[in-house]
Amino acid sequence: MRIHPLPKKRNITIQYEMNPRTTRSQAETLLTGGSNKKLRRLPHIFSRVLELPFRSDADVAVEESPDCFKFVAETDGRIGDVVRAHTVEIHPGVTKIVIRSNSLVDFGLLDDLELDMWRFRLPETTRPELASAVYEDGELIVTVPKGGE
């Protein structure tokens, strides 16, 4: 069986020759291709991610030690003095660490949409539920410990 590449046109119409004697199950087999594929996780979805409240082009120093990852970013003080690390399970097996301020300062609607945020893919050995964030001397310091697996 030879498979031809799809044309680059977006308005593609697939036509099947259907006769009145075709049963519903035969029609569904023609339309779906006849195979029931299981959905797999997309390769660009990572299981552990750290998200900082900065734009994606911010300068963040990443330090790895045998027991933790440390992320240090200089800020202009608009984050606030009290910050927390929140662990959010987006989907079973997909965890995101989000750093947010406890103050009433908000970064606006675009930040709520999470379009241009600084993100880092964390390895499987990290423990996101034990992450901590501290703001001191104009720097945001986030520590994500590693587990002994």
C-alpha atoms as a PDB file:
ATOM      1  CA  MET A   1       0.000   0.000   0.000  1.00  0.00           C
ATOM      2  CA  ARG A   2       1.441   3.336  -0.989  1.00  0.00           C
ATOM      3  CA  ILE A   3       0.695   6.373   1.136  1.00  0.00           C
ATOM      4  CA  HIS A   4       0.693   9.745  -0.551  1.00  0.00           C
ATOM      5  CA  PRO A   5       1.639  12.909   1.348  1.00  0.00           C
ATOM      6  CA  LEU A   6      -1.217  15.164   2.302  1.00  0.00           C
ATOM      7  CA  PRO A   7      -1.664  18.277   0.202  1.00  0.00           C
ATOM      8  CA  LYS A   8      -0.841  21.578   1.869  1.00  0.00           C
ATOM      9  CA  LYS A   9      -4.357  22.885   1.358  1.00  0.00           C
ATOM     10  CA  ARG A  10      -6.390  23.197   4.536  1.00  0.00           C
ATOM     11  CA  ASN A  11      -9.806  22.557   3.024  1.00  0.00           C
ATOM     12  CA  ILE A  12      -9.428  18.861   2.347  1.00  0.00           C
ATOM     13  CA  THR A  13     -12.517  16.817   1.697  1.00  0.00           C
ATOM     14  CA  ILE A  14     -12.304  13.058   1.998  1.00  0.00           C
ATOM     15  CA  GLN A  15     -14.803  11.198  -0.101  1.00  0.00           C
ATOM     16  CA  TYR A  16     -15.690   7.572   0.257  1.00  0.00           C
ATOM     17  CA  GLU A  17     -17.908   5.708  -2.081  1.00  0.00           C
ATOM     18  CA  MET A  18     -20.839   4.683   0.063  1.00  0.00           C
ATOM     19  CA  ASN A  19     -23.642   2.559  -1.209  1.00  0.00           C
ATOM     20  CA  PRO A  20     -26.970   2.168   0.549  1.00  0.00           C
ATOM     21  CA  ARG A  21     -26.118  -1.381   1.584  1.00  0.00           C
ATOM     22  CA  THR A  22     -23.086  -0.285   3.660  1.00  0.00           C
ATOM     23  CA  THR A  23     -23.714  -0.879   7.350  1.00  0.00           C
ATOM     24  CA  ARG A  24     -22.966   1.695  10.020  1.00  0.00           C
ATOM     25  CA  SER A  25     -19.995  -0.272  11.396  1.00  0.00           C
ATOM     26  CA  GLN A  26     -18.503  -0.566   7.905  1.00  0.00           C
ATOM     27  CA  ALA A  27     -18.919   3.194   7.406  1.00  0.00           C
ATOM     28  CA  GLU A  28     -17.233   3.932  10.748  1.00  0.00           C
ATOM     29  CA  THR A  29     -14.378   1.619   9.810  1.00  0.00           C
ATOM     30  CA  LEU A  30     -13.899   3.522   6.562  1.00  0.00           C
ATOM     31  CA  LEU A  31     -13.946   6.901   8.306  1.00  0.00           C
ATOM     32  CA  THR A  32     -11.677   6.020  11.232  1.00  0.00           C
ATOM     33  CA  GLY A  33      -9.195   3.952   9.290  1.00  0.00           C
ATOM     34  CA  GLY A  34     -10.207   0.746  11.007  1.00  0.00           C
ATOM     35  CA  SER A  35      -7.750   0.865  13.886  1.00  0.00           C
ATOM     36  CA  ASN A  36      -8.285   1.886  17.466  1.00  0.00           C
ATOM     37  CA  LYS A  37      -5.084   3.612  18.509  1.00  0.00           C
ATOM     38  CA  LYS A  38      -4.330   4.386  22.113  1.00  0.00           C
ATOM     39  CA  LEU A  39      -3.421   7.964  22.843  1.00  0.00           C
ATOM     40  CA  ARG A  40       0.156   8.483  23.909  1.00  0.00           C
ATOM     41  CA  ARG A  41       1.670  11.389  25.795  1.00  0.00           C
ATOM     42  CA  LEU A  42       3.009  14.010  23.437  1.00  0.00           C
ATOM     43  CA  PRO A  43       6.803  14.316  23.482  1.00  0.00           C
ATOM     44  CA  HIS A  44       6.667  18.045  24.277  1.00  0.00           C
ATOM     45  CA  ILE A  45       4.664  17.492  27.476  1.00  0.00           C
ATOM     46  CA  PHE A  46       7.134  17.074  30.316  1.00  0.00           C
ATOM     47  CA  SER A  47       6.240  15.369  33.573  1.00  0.00           C
ATOM     48  CA  ARG A  48       7.853  18.017  35.831  1.00  0.00           C
ATOM     49  CA  VAL A  49       8.192  21.728  35.082  1.00  0.00           C
ATOM     50  CA  LEU A  50       9.183  24.799  37.109  1.00  0.00           C
ATOM     51  CA  GLU A  51       7.484  28.079  36.149  1.00  0.00           C
ATOM     52  CA  LEU A  52       8.815  31.401  37.434  1.00  0.00           C
ATOM     53  CA  PRO A  53       6.884  34.711  37.380  1.00  0.00           C
ATOM     54  CA  PHE A  54       9.192  36.248  34.769  1.00  0.00           C
ATOM     55  CA  ARG A  55       9.173  36.571  31.010  1.00  0.00           C
ATOM     56  CA  SER A  56      10.826  33.759  29.059  1.00  0.00           C
ATOM     57  CA  ASP A  57      13.900  35.880  28.263  1.00  0.00           C
ATOM     58  CA  ALA A  58      14.756  36.624  31.931  1.00  0.00           C
ATOM     59  CA  ASP A  59      18.244  35.904  33.270  1.00  0.00           C
ATOM     60  CA  VAL A  60      18.008  33.040  35.750  1.00  0.00           C
ATOM     61  CA  ALA A  61      21.053  31.269  37.187  1.00  0.00           C
ATOM     62  CA  VAL A  62      20.561  27.513  37.482  1.00  0.00           C
ATOM     63  CA  GLU A  63      22.811  25.649  39.915  1.00  0.00           C
ATOM     64  CA  GLU A  64      22.736  21.880  40.314  1.00  0.00           C
ATOM     65  CA  SER A  65      24.153  20.154  43.366  1.00  0.00           C
ATOM     66  CA  PRO A  66      23.943  16.476  44.347  1.00  0.00           C
ATOM     67  CA  ASP A  67      20.917  17.134  46.566  1.00  0.00           C
ATOM     68  CA  CYS A  68      18.975  19.951  44.825  1.00  0.00           C
ATOM     69  CA  PHE A  69      18.491  22.395  41.969  1.00  0.00           C
ATOM     70  CA  LYS A  70      18.742  26.081  42.856  1.00  0.00           C
ATOM     71  CA  PHE A  71      17.330  28.842  40.645  1.00  0.00           C
ATOM     72  CA  VAL A  72      18.400  32.433  41.358  1.00  0.00           C
ATOM     73  CA  ALA A  73      16.912  35.456  39.579  1.00  0.00           C
ATOM     74  CA  GLU A  74      17.387  39.141  40.279  1.00  0.00           C
ATOM     75  CA  THR A  75      14.114  41.031  40.465  1.00  0.00           C
ATOM     76  CA  ASP A  76      13.059  44.645  40.489  1.00  0.00           C
ATOM     77  CA  GLY A  77      10.992  44.194  43.649  1.00  0.00           C
ATOM     78  CA  ARG A  78       7.575  43.928  42.021  1.00  0.00           C
ATOM     79  CA  ILE A  79       7.146  40.340  43.178  1.00  0.00           C
ATOM     80  CA  GLY A  80       6.803  41.210  46.845  1.00  0.00           C
ATOM     81  CA  ASP A  81       8.613  40.096  49.955  1.00  0.00           C
ATOM     82  CA  VAL A  82       6.640  36.909  50.561  1.00  0.00           C
ATOM     83  CA  VAL A  83       6.651  34.252  47.828  1.00  0.00           C
ATOM     84  CA  ARG A  84       5.522  30.625  47.827  1.00  0.00           C
ATOM     85  CA  ALA A  85       6.072  27.566  45.675  1.00  0.00           C
ATOM     86  CA  HIS A  86       2.799  25.892  44.678  1.00  0.00           C
ATOM     87  CA  THR A  87       2.779  22.377  43.250  1.00  0.00           C
ATOM     88  CA  VAL A  88      -0.008  21.894  40.721  1.00  0.00           C
ATOM     89  CA  GLU A  89      -0.883  18.532  39.196  1.00  0.00           C
ATOM     90  CA  ILE A  90      -2.080  19.449  35.713  1.00  0.00           C
ATOM     91  CA  HIS A  91      -2.831  15.883  34.667  1.00  0.00           C
ATOM     92  CA  PRO A  92      -2.004  12.559  36.328  1.00  0.00           C
ATOM     93  CA  GLY A  93       1.771  12.284  36.024  1.00  0.00           C
ATOM     94  CA  VAL A  94       2.271  15.923  34.927  1.00  0.00           C
ATOM     95  CA  THR A  95       3.319  18.292  37.743  1.00  0.00           C
ATOM     96  CA  LYS A  96       4.147  21.988  37.588  1.00  0.00           C
ATOM     97  CA  ILE A  97       5.782  24.130  40.273  1.00  0.00           C
ATOM     98  CA  VAL A  98       4.424  27.671  40.127  1.00  0.00           C
ATOM     99  CA  ILE A  99       6.023  30.527  42.077  1.00  0.00           C
ATOM    100  CA  ARG A 100       3.540  33.199  43.130  1.00  0.00           C
ATOM    101  CA  SER A 101       3.585  36.156  45.462  1.00  0.00           C
ATOM    102  CA  ASN A 102       1.403  36.351  48.552  1.00  0.00           C
ATOM    103  CA  SER A 103       1.006  40.111  48.064  1.00  0.00           C
ATOM    104  CA  LEU A 104      -1.814  41.679  46.110  1.00  0.00           C
ATOM    105  CA  VAL A 105       0.456  42.677  43.224  1.00  0.00           C
ATOM    106  CA  ASP A 106      -0.781  41.070  40.014  1.00  0.00           C
ATOM    107  CA  PHE A 107       1.122  40.850  36.756  1.00  0.00           C
ATOM    108  CA  GLY A 108      -1.925  41.351  34.546  1.00  0.00           C
ATOM    109  CA  LEU A 109      -4.166  39.282  32.349  1.00  0.00           C
ATOM    110  CA  LEU A 110      -1.477  38.009  29.980  1.00  0.00           C
ATOM    111  CA  ASP A 111       0.420  36.385  32.826  1.00  0.00           C
ATOM    112  CA  ASP A 112      -2.752  34.595  33.879  1.00  0.00           C
ATOM    113  CA  LEU A 113      -2.848  33.067  30.396  1.00  0.00           C
ATOM    114  CA  GLU A 114       0.723  31.797  30.907  1.00  0.00           C
ATOM    115  CA  LEU A 115       1.879  32.661  27.411  1.00  0.00           C
ATOM    116  CA  ASP A 116       5.391  33.992  27.960  1.00  0.00           C
ATOM    117  CA  MET A 117       6.582  32.612  31.281  1.00  0.00           C
ATOM    118  CA  TRP A 118      10.069  31.369  32.216  1.00  0.00           C
ATOM    119  CA  ARG A 119       9.946  27.557  32.403  1.00  0.00           C
ATOM    120  CA  PHE A 120      12.475  24.827  33.156  1.00  0.00           C
ATOM    121  CA  ARG A 121      12.045  21.097  32.586  1.00  0.00           C
ATOM    122  CA  LEU A 122      12.893  19.244  35.779  1.00  0.00           C
ATOM    123  CA  PRO A 123      14.347  15.721  35.697  1.00  0.00           C
ATOM    124  CA  GLU A 124      12.510  12.736  37.147  1.00  0.00           C
ATOM    125  CA  THR A 125      14.772  12.672  40.219  1.00  0.00           C
ATOM    126  CA  THR A 126      13.369  15.950  41.613  1.00  0.00           C
ATOM    127  CA  ARG A 127      10.742  16.233  44.357  1.00  0.00           C
ATOM    128  CA  PRO A 128       8.407  19.078  43.265  1.00  0.00           C
ATOM    129  CA  GLU A 129       6.197  18.765  46.348  1.00  0.00           C
ATOM    130  CA  LEU A 130       9.153  19.840  48.528  1.00  0.00           C
ATOM    131  CA  ALA A 131      10.086  22.937  46.483  1.00  0.00           C
ATOM    132  CA  SER A 132      10.607  26.206  48.362  1.00  0.00           C
ATOM    133  CA  ALA A 133      10.910  29.857  47.340  1.00  0.00           C
ATOM    134  CA  VAL A 134      12.565  32.742  49.215  1.00  0.00           C
ATOM    135  CA  TYR A 135      12.909  36.432  48.337  1.00  0.00           C
ATOM    136  CA  GLU A 136      15.936  38.121  49.879  1.00  0.00           C
ATOM    137  CA  ASP A 137      18.243  40.991  48.914  1.00  0.00           C
ATOM    138  CA  GLY A 138      16.421  41.592  45.624  1.00  0.00           C
ATOM    139  CA  GLU A 139      16.792  37.982  44.490  1.00  0.00           C
ATOM    140  CA  LEU A 140      14.239  35.236  44.118  1.00  0.00           C
ATOM    141  CA  ILE A 141      15.756  31.901  45.158  1.00  0.00           C
ATOM    142  CA  VAL A 142      13.862  28.709  44.348  1.00  0.00           C
ATOM    143  CA  THR A 143      15.135  25.367  45.633  1.00  0.00           C
ATOM    144  CA  VAL A 144      13.865  22.061  44.250  1.00  0.00           C
ATOM    145  CA  PRO A 145      15.285  19.065  46.156  1.00  0.00           C
ATOM    146  CA  LYS A 146      16.227  15.805  44.510  1.00  0.00           C
ATOM    147  CA  GLY A 147      14.949  12.493  45.776  1.00  0.00           C
ATOM    148  CA  GLY A 148      16.990   9.432  46.619  1.00  0.00           C
ATOM    149  CA  GLU A 149      15.326   7.004  44.214  1.00  0.00           C
END
